Amino acid sequence: DASNDGCFSLHHAYGTPPTALTLVAGRGSGTLADACGAAGILKVYGHAGGLDLLMSWGAIEAGRNDSSMVPASATECQHLCDSDSACKFFTFNDQGPSGGNYGYFRGLCFLQEELSCEGDAFSHYHGMISGPASCSSSDPAPTPAAGPAPTPAPTPAPTPAPTPVPTAAPMPVPTPVPEAADTASVAVRSTARFVFVASSSAMLVASI
């Protein structure tokens, strides 16, 4: 941005990442390029509690820790580097929240010597900001190489709507055909009654 003339390198550490940095800050994921070598560390500014822990772990040499100031930004860290004639580059830890236990390590400022190797001078490191002691007297920081675009996840094919099962038309109930009366039987029964009646009448007359 305008405040640093574009010479700061975001998400990069100068040289290969210092051990003190790798112990307290995750580097990130993906393809992470490393610098050609490690830059000598002149001094590390930061919170007293965090520096004491790093020294107890053997990550910072005695005499290179300085808790007299905890830089709040990469620009403040650069100013500390610029005030030391031996410092040529810096790396600032801008990763993580400022409060809580991690606050011991946020704001670590590494004052570094210039690399003597040929090749990449910066390593990819999430949350780090690095740059030269003075932007006005240096070349702009290198632009990180663009990584391959992520492959989008395949779009699932839409599920076809179920085909409705046709409803069967109700079968009509057949109307029973009325049975034809048995004419002959009716005639026989009628004749029988007539004979019976006639016979009964004859018998009645005979008895009289």
C-alpha atoms as a PDB file:
ATOM      1  CA  ASP A   1       0.000   0.000   0.000  1.00  0.00           C
ATOM      2  CA  ALA A   2       0.985   3.669  -0.046  1.00  0.00           C
ATOM      3  CA  SER A   3       2.445   3.557   3.480  1.00  0.00           C
ATOM      4  CA  ASN A   4       5.232   1.182   2.448  1.00  0.00           C
ATOM      5  CA  ASP A   5       5.496   1.833  -1.309  1.00  0.00           C
ATOM      6  CA  GLY A   6       4.470  -1.771  -1.918  1.00  0.00           C
ATOM      7  CA  CYS A   7       7.783  -3.150  -0.653  1.00  0.00           C
ATOM      8  CA  PHE A   8       6.282  -5.310   2.104  1.00  0.00           C
ATOM      9  CA  SER A   9       5.688  -8.965   1.283  1.00  0.00           C
ATOM     10  CA  LEU A  10       2.465 -10.323   2.791  1.00  0.00           C
ATOM     11  CA  HIS A  11       2.358 -13.982   3.881  1.00  0.00           C
ATOM     12  CA  HIS A  12       6.115 -14.283   3.469  1.00  0.00           C
ATOM     13  CA  ALA A  13       9.063 -14.587   5.835  1.00  0.00           C
ATOM     14  CA  TYR A  14      12.522 -13.395   4.836  1.00  0.00           C
ATOM     15  CA  GLY A  15      14.821 -16.406   4.394  1.00  0.00           C
ATOM     16  CA  THR A  16      13.726 -19.825   5.593  1.00  0.00           C
ATOM     17  CA  PRO A  17      11.306 -19.517   8.547  1.00  0.00           C
ATOM     18  CA  PRO A  18      13.122 -19.046  11.889  1.00  0.00           C
ATOM     19  CA  THR A  19      12.631 -21.888  14.395  1.00  0.00           C
ATOM     20  CA  ALA A  20      11.121 -19.498  16.922  1.00  0.00           C
ATOM     21  CA  LEU A  21       8.433 -18.677  14.379  1.00  0.00           C
ATOM     22  CA  THR A  22       7.588 -22.245  13.424  1.00  0.00           C
ATOM     23  CA  LEU A  23       7.081 -23.174  17.084  1.00  0.00           C
ATOM     24  CA  VAL A  24       4.310 -20.656  17.662  1.00  0.00           C
ATOM     25  CA  ALA A  25       2.669 -19.950  14.300  1.00  0.00           C
ATOM     26  CA  GLY A  26       1.198 -22.362  11.777  1.00  0.00           C
ATOM     27  CA  ARG A  27       2.645 -21.939   8.319  1.00  0.00           C
ATOM     28  CA  GLY A  28      -0.468 -22.751   6.298  1.00  0.00           C
ATOM     29  CA  SER A  29      -1.259 -25.409   3.711  1.00  0.00           C
ATOM     30  CA  GLY A  30      -0.805 -25.976   0.016  1.00  0.00           C
ATOM     31  CA  THR A  31       2.334 -25.471  -2.046  1.00  0.00           C
ATOM     32  CA  LEU A  32       4.756 -23.514   0.185  1.00  0.00           C
ATOM     33  CA  ALA A  33       8.009 -22.353  -1.386  1.00  0.00           C
ATOM     34  CA  ASP A  34      11.147 -21.856   0.708  1.00  0.00           C
ATOM     35  CA  ALA A  35      13.906 -19.299   0.364  1.00  0.00           C
ATOM     36  CA  CYS A  36      17.384 -20.296  -0.709  1.00  0.00           C
ATOM     37  CA  GLY A  37      18.673 -20.227   2.870  1.00  0.00           C
ATOM     38  CA  ALA A  38      18.353 -18.900   6.426  1.00  0.00           C
ATOM     39  CA  ALA A  39      19.049 -15.279   7.288  1.00  0.00           C
ATOM     40  CA  GLY A  40      21.060 -14.531  10.391  1.00  0.00           C
ATOM     41  CA  ILE A  41      18.940 -13.210  13.280  1.00  0.00           C
ATOM     42  CA  LEU A  42      20.279 -10.117  15.013  1.00  0.00           C
ATOM     43  CA  LYS A  43      17.464  -9.550  17.499  1.00  0.00           C
ATOM     44  CA  VAL A  44      13.905 -10.579  18.274  1.00  0.00           C
ATOM     45  CA  TYR A  45      11.487  -8.045  19.769  1.00  0.00           C
ATOM     46  CA  GLY A  46       8.320  -9.131  21.481  1.00  0.00           C
ATOM     47  CA  HIS A  47       6.382  -9.761  24.683  1.00  0.00           C
ATOM     48  CA  ALA A  48       8.622 -10.693  27.628  1.00  0.00           C
ATOM     49  CA  GLY A  49       6.601 -13.806  28.486  1.00  0.00           C
ATOM     50  CA  GLY A  50       6.735 -15.096  24.933  1.00  0.00           C
ATOM     51  CA  LEU A  51      10.449 -14.416  24.539  1.00  0.00           C
ATOM     52  CA  ASP A  52      11.213 -16.174  27.832  1.00  0.00           C
ATOM     53  CA  LEU A  53       9.340 -19.261  26.638  1.00  0.00           C
ATOM     54  CA  LEU A  54      11.177 -19.290  23.317  1.00  0.00           C
ATOM     55  CA  MET A  55      14.503 -18.978  25.090  1.00  0.00           C
ATOM     56  CA  SER A  56      13.626 -21.848  27.445  1.00  0.00           C
ATOM     57  CA  TRP A  57      12.876 -23.951  24.341  1.00  0.00           C
ATOM     58  CA  GLY A  58      16.235 -23.026  22.836  1.00  0.00           C
ATOM     59  CA  ALA A  59      14.613 -21.233  19.897  1.00  0.00           C
ATOM     60  CA  ILE A  60      16.288 -17.867  20.600  1.00  0.00           C
ATOM     61  CA  GLU A  61      19.906 -17.389  21.605  1.00  0.00           C
ATOM     62  CA  ALA A  62      20.562 -15.523  24.829  1.00  0.00           C
ATOM     63  CA  GLY A  63      21.202 -11.844  24.276  1.00  0.00           C
ATOM     64  CA  ARG A  64      19.131 -11.688  21.083  1.00  0.00           C
ATOM     65  CA  ASN A  65      15.807 -11.233  22.868  1.00  0.00           C
ATOM     66  CA  ASP A  66      14.506  -7.711  23.530  1.00  0.00           C
ATOM     67  CA  SER A  67      11.209  -7.054  25.307  1.00  0.00           C
ATOM     68  CA  SER A  68      11.720  -3.290  25.538  1.00  0.00           C
ATOM     69  CA  MET A  69       9.180  -2.892  22.749  1.00  0.00           C
ATOM     70  CA  VAL A  70       6.389  -5.000  21.273  1.00  0.00           C
ATOM     71  CA  PRO A  71       5.764  -3.734  17.713  1.00  0.00           C
ATOM     72  CA  ALA A  72       2.094  -3.337  16.894  1.00  0.00           C
ATOM     73  CA  SER A  73       2.583  -3.449  13.132  1.00  0.00           C
ATOM     74  CA  ALA A  74       4.995  -4.401  10.394  1.00  0.00           C
ATOM     75  CA  THR A  75       5.816  -0.734   9.926  1.00  0.00           C
ATOM     76  CA  GLU A  76       6.983  -0.451  13.560  1.00  0.00           C
ATOM     77  CA  CYS A  77       9.052  -3.594  13.103  1.00  0.00           C
ATOM     78  CA  GLN A  78      10.633  -2.084   9.989  1.00  0.00           C
ATOM     79  CA  HIS A  79      11.529   1.054  11.926  1.00  0.00           C
ATOM     80  CA  LEU A  80      13.362  -1.087  14.500  1.00  0.00           C
ATOM     81  CA  CYS A  81      15.269  -2.766  11.678  1.00  0.00           C
ATOM     82  CA  ASP A  82      16.100   0.562  10.073  1.00  0.00           C
ATOM     83  CA  SER A  83      17.534   1.851  13.358  1.00  0.00           C
ATOM     84  CA  ASP A  84      20.058  -1.026  13.444  1.00  0.00           C
ATOM     85  CA  SER A  85      22.796  -0.620  10.839  1.00  0.00           C
ATOM     86  CA  ALA A  86      23.348  -4.388  10.645  1.00  0.00           C
ATOM     87  CA  CYS A  87      19.692  -5.142   9.945  1.00  0.00           C
ATOM     88  CA  LYS A  88      18.833  -5.438   6.261  1.00  0.00           C
ATOM     89  CA  PHE A  89      15.449  -7.219   6.401  1.00  0.00           C
ATOM     90  CA  PHE A  90      12.752  -8.012   8.937  1.00  0.00           C
ATOM     91  CA  THR A  91       9.952 -10.546   9.472  1.00  0.00           C
ATOM     92  CA  PHE A  92       6.884  -9.619  11.534  1.00  0.00           C
ATOM     93  CA  ASN A  93       4.361 -12.073  12.989  1.00  0.00           C
ATOM     94  CA  ASP A  94       0.924 -10.626  12.266  1.00  0.00           C
ATOM     95  CA  GLN A  95      -0.845 -13.938  12.794  1.00  0.00           C
ATOM     96  CA  GLY A  96      -3.515 -14.576  15.410  1.00  0.00           C
ATOM     97  CA  PRO A  97      -5.431 -12.455  17.936  1.00  0.00           C
ATOM     98  CA  SER A  98      -3.716  -9.865  20.074  1.00  0.00           C
ATOM     99  CA  GLY A  99      -5.271 -11.090  23.335  1.00  0.00           C
ATOM    100  CA  GLY A 100      -5.102 -14.362  25.284  1.00  0.00           C
ATOM    101  CA  ASN A 101      -2.095 -16.623  25.569  1.00  0.00           C
ATOM    102  CA  TYR A 102      -1.274 -16.209  21.904  1.00  0.00           C
ATOM    103  CA  GLY A 103      -0.719 -12.525  22.599  1.00  0.00           C
ATOM    104  CA  TYR A 104       2.702 -13.567  23.898  1.00  0.00           C
ATOM    105  CA  PHE A 105       3.769 -14.321  20.330  1.00  0.00           C
ATOM    106  CA  ARG A 106       1.786 -11.992  18.108  1.00  0.00           C
ATOM    107  CA  GLY A 107       4.019  -9.059  17.193  1.00  0.00           C
ATOM    108  CA  LEU A 108       7.298 -10.987  17.216  1.00  0.00           C
ATOM    109  CA  CYS A 109       9.729  -8.904  15.185  1.00  0.00           C
ATOM    110  CA  PHE A 110      12.832 -10.556  13.734  1.00  0.00           C
ATOM    111  CA  LEU A 111      15.705  -8.290  12.687  1.00  0.00           C
ATOM    112  CA  GLN A 112      17.675 -10.172  10.047  1.00  0.00           C
ATOM    113  CA  GLU A 113      20.914  -9.993   8.115  1.00  0.00           C
ATOM    114  CA  GLU A 114      20.952 -10.167   4.333  1.00  0.00           C
ATOM    115  CA  LEU A 115      21.037 -13.585   2.663  1.00  0.00           C
ATOM    116  CA  SER A 116      24.260 -14.636   0.984  1.00  0.00           C
ATOM    117  CA  CYS A 117      22.707 -17.356  -1.204  1.00  0.00           C
ATOM    118  CA  GLU A 118      21.385 -17.048  -4.731  1.00  0.00           C
ATOM    119  CA  GLY A 119      17.738 -17.766  -5.375  1.00  0.00           C
ATOM    120  CA  ASP A 120      14.422 -16.973  -3.692  1.00  0.00           C
ATOM    121  CA  ALA A 121      14.809 -14.650  -0.721  1.00  0.00           C
ATOM    122  CA  PHE A 122      11.336 -15.190   0.769  1.00  0.00           C
ATOM    123  CA  SER A 123       9.416 -18.205   2.040  1.00  0.00           C
ATOM    124  CA  HIS A 124       5.643 -18.578   1.992  1.00  0.00           C
ATOM    125  CA  TYR A 125       4.285 -18.260   5.535  1.00  0.00           C
ATOM    126  CA  HIS A 126       0.683 -17.428   6.404  1.00  0.00           C
ATOM    127  CA  GLY A 127       0.275 -14.305   8.531  1.00  0.00           C
ATOM    128  CA  MET A 128       3.873 -13.106   8.202  1.00  0.00           C
ATOM    129  CA  ILE A 129       4.907  -9.734   6.776  1.00  0.00           C
ATOM    130  CA  SER A 130       8.472  -9.135   5.712  1.00  0.00           C
ATOM    131  CA  GLY A 131      10.485  -6.524   3.908  1.00  0.00           C
ATOM    132  CA  PRO A 132      13.681  -4.471   3.777  1.00  0.00           C
ATOM    133  CA  ALA A 133      14.930  -2.067   6.429  1.00  0.00           C
ATOM    134  CA  SER A 134      13.860   0.851   4.260  1.00  0.00           C
ATOM    135  CA  CYS A 135      11.459   0.790   1.359  1.00  0.00           C
ATOM    136  CA  SER A 136      12.913   3.891  -0.299  1.00  0.00           C
ATOM    137  CA  SER A 137      16.299   2.284  -0.891  1.00  0.00           C
ATOM    138  CA  SER A 138      15.221  -1.162  -2.015  1.00  0.00           C
ATOM    139  CA  ASP A 139      13.444  -2.969  -4.801  1.00  0.00           C
ATOM    140  CA  PRO A 140       9.794  -3.869  -4.285  1.00  0.00           C
ATOM    141  CA  ALA A 141       9.157  -7.177  -2.597  1.00  0.00           C
ATOM    142  CA  PRO A 142       8.636 -10.056  -5.038  1.00  0.00           C
ATOM    143  CA  THR A 143       5.128 -10.923  -6.059  1.00  0.00           C
ATOM    144  CA  PRO A 144       4.257 -14.446  -4.850  1.00  0.00           C
ATOM    145  CA  ALA A 145       3.821 -16.956  -7.648  1.00  0.00           C
ATOM    146  CA  ALA A 146       0.218 -17.668  -8.376  1.00  0.00           C
ATOM    147  CA  GLY A 147      -0.856 -21.193  -7.490  1.00  0.00           C
ATOM    148  CA  PRO A 148      -3.081 -23.326  -9.677  1.00  0.00           C
ATOM    149  CA  ALA A 149      -6.753 -22.510  -9.533  1.00  0.00           C
ATOM    150  CA  PRO A 150      -8.672 -24.982  -7.380  1.00  0.00           C
ATOM    151  CA  THR A 151     -10.728 -27.512  -9.261  1.00  0.00           C
ATOM    152  CA  PRO A 152     -14.408 -26.882  -8.600  1.00  0.00           C
ATOM    153  CA  ALA A 153     -16.402 -29.745  -7.181  1.00  0.00           C
ATOM    154  CA  PRO A 154     -18.594 -31.477  -9.780  1.00  0.00           C
ATOM    155  CA  THR A 155     -22.215 -30.371  -9.811  1.00  0.00           C
ATOM    156  CA  PRO A 156     -24.453 -33.319  -8.901  1.00  0.00           C
ATOM    157  CA  ALA A 157     -26.963 -34.308 -11.599  1.00  0.00           C
ATOM    158  CA  PRO A 158     -30.542 -33.454 -10.653  1.00  0.00           C
ATOM    159  CA  THR A 159     -32.612 -36.372  -9.427  1.00  0.00           C
ATOM    160  CA  PRO A 160     -35.511 -37.034 -11.859  1.00  0.00           C
ATOM    161  CA  ALA A 161     -38.984 -36.688 -10.448  1.00  0.00           C
ATOM    162  CA  PRO A 162     -40.687 -40.056  -9.850  1.00  0.00           C
ATOM    163  CA  THR A 163     -43.190 -41.092 -12.551  1.00  0.00           C
ATOM    164  CA  PRO A 164     -46.663 -41.256 -11.017  1.00  0.00           C
ATOM    165  CA  VAL A 165     -48.286 -44.715 -11.089  1.00  0.00           C
ATOM    166  CA  PRO A 166     -51.592 -44.538 -13.059  1.00  0.00           C
ATOM    167  CA  THR A 167     -54.694 -45.170 -10.958  1.00  0.00           C
ATOM    168  CA  ALA A 168     -56.711 -48.103 -12.283  1.00  0.00           C
ATOM    169  CA  ALA A 169     -60.310 -47.277 -13.187  1.00  0.00           C
ATOM    170  CA  PRO A 170     -62.791 -49.017 -10.838  1.00  0.00           C
ATOM    171  CA  MET A 171     -64.336 -52.162 -12.325  1.00  0.00           C
ATOM    172  CA  PRO A 172     -68.175 -51.878 -12.575  1.00  0.00           C
ATOM    173  CA  VAL A 173     -70.079 -54.336 -10.454  1.00  0.00           C
ATOM    174  CA  PRO A 174     -72.271 -56.468 -12.782  1.00  0.00           C
ATOM    175  CA  THR A 175     -75.995 -56.117 -12.236  1.00  0.00           C
ATOM    176  CA  PRO A 176     -77.461 -59.543 -11.621  1.00  0.00           C
ATOM    177  CA  VAL A 177     -79.945 -60.605 -14.269  1.00  0.00           C
ATOM    178  CA  PRO A 178     -83.303 -61.410 -12.678  1.00  0.00           C
ATOM    179  CA  GLU A 179     -84.107 -65.056 -13.022  1.00  0.00           C
ATOM    180  CA  ALA A 180     -87.071 -65.866 -15.216  1.00  0.00           C
ATOM    181  CA  ALA A 181     -90.001 -67.300 -13.395  1.00  0.00           C
ATOM    182  CA  ASP A 182     -90.556 -71.003 -13.961  1.00  0.00           C
ATOM    183  CA  THR A 183     -93.884 -70.812 -15.810  1.00  0.00           C
ATOM    184  CA  ALA A 184     -94.319 -74.526 -15.909  1.00  0.00           C
ATOM    185  CA  SER A 185     -93.866 -74.872 -12.158  1.00  0.00           C
ATOM    186  CA  VAL A 186     -96.362 -72.096 -11.521  1.00  0.00           C
ATOM    187  CA  ALA A 187     -98.859 -73.762 -13.826  1.00  0.00           C
ATOM    188  CA  VAL A 188     -98.412 -77.131 -12.134  1.00  0.00           C
ATOM    189  CA  ARG A 189     -98.828 -75.637  -8.663  1.00  0.00           C
ATOM    190  CA  SER A 190    -101.947 -73.772  -9.793  1.00  0.00           C
ATOM    191  CA  THR A 191    -103.450 -76.951 -11.307  1.00  0.00           C
ATOM    192  CA  ALA A 192    -102.702 -78.910  -8.182  1.00  0.00           C
ATOM    193  CA  ARG A 193    -104.522 -76.390  -6.051  1.00  0.00           C
ATOM    194  CA  PHE A 194    -107.516 -76.465  -8.397  1.00  0.00           C
ATOM    195  CA  VAL A 195    -107.643 -80.281  -8.293  1.00  0.00           C
ATOM    196  CA  PHE A 196    -107.261 -80.203  -4.535  1.00  0.00           C
ATOM    197  CA  VAL A 197    -110.056 -77.687  -4.199  1.00  0.00           C
ATOM    198  CA  ALA A 198    -112.277 -79.623  -6.620  1.00  0.00           C
ATOM    199  CA  SER A 199    -111.634 -82.858  -4.831  1.00  0.00           C
ATOM    200  CA  SER A 200    -112.396 -81.285  -1.508  1.00  0.00           C
ATOM    201  CA  SER A 201    -115.692 -79.945  -2.830  1.00  0.00           C
ATOM    202  CA  ALA A 202    -116.706 -83.365  -4.178  1.00  0.00           C
ATOM    203  CA  MET A 203    -115.941 -85.016  -0.962  1.00  0.00           C
ATOM    204  CA  LEU A 204    -117.956 -82.438   0.893  1.00  0.00           C
ATOM    205  CA  VAL A 205    -120.984 -83.040  -1.394  1.00  0.00           C
ATOM    206  CA  ALA A 206    -120.662 -86.802  -1.021  1.00  0.00           C
ATOM    207  CA  SER A 207    -120.660 -86.565   2.672  1.00  0.00           C
ATOM    208  CA  ILE A 208    -123.817 -84.491   2.659  1.00  0.00           C
END
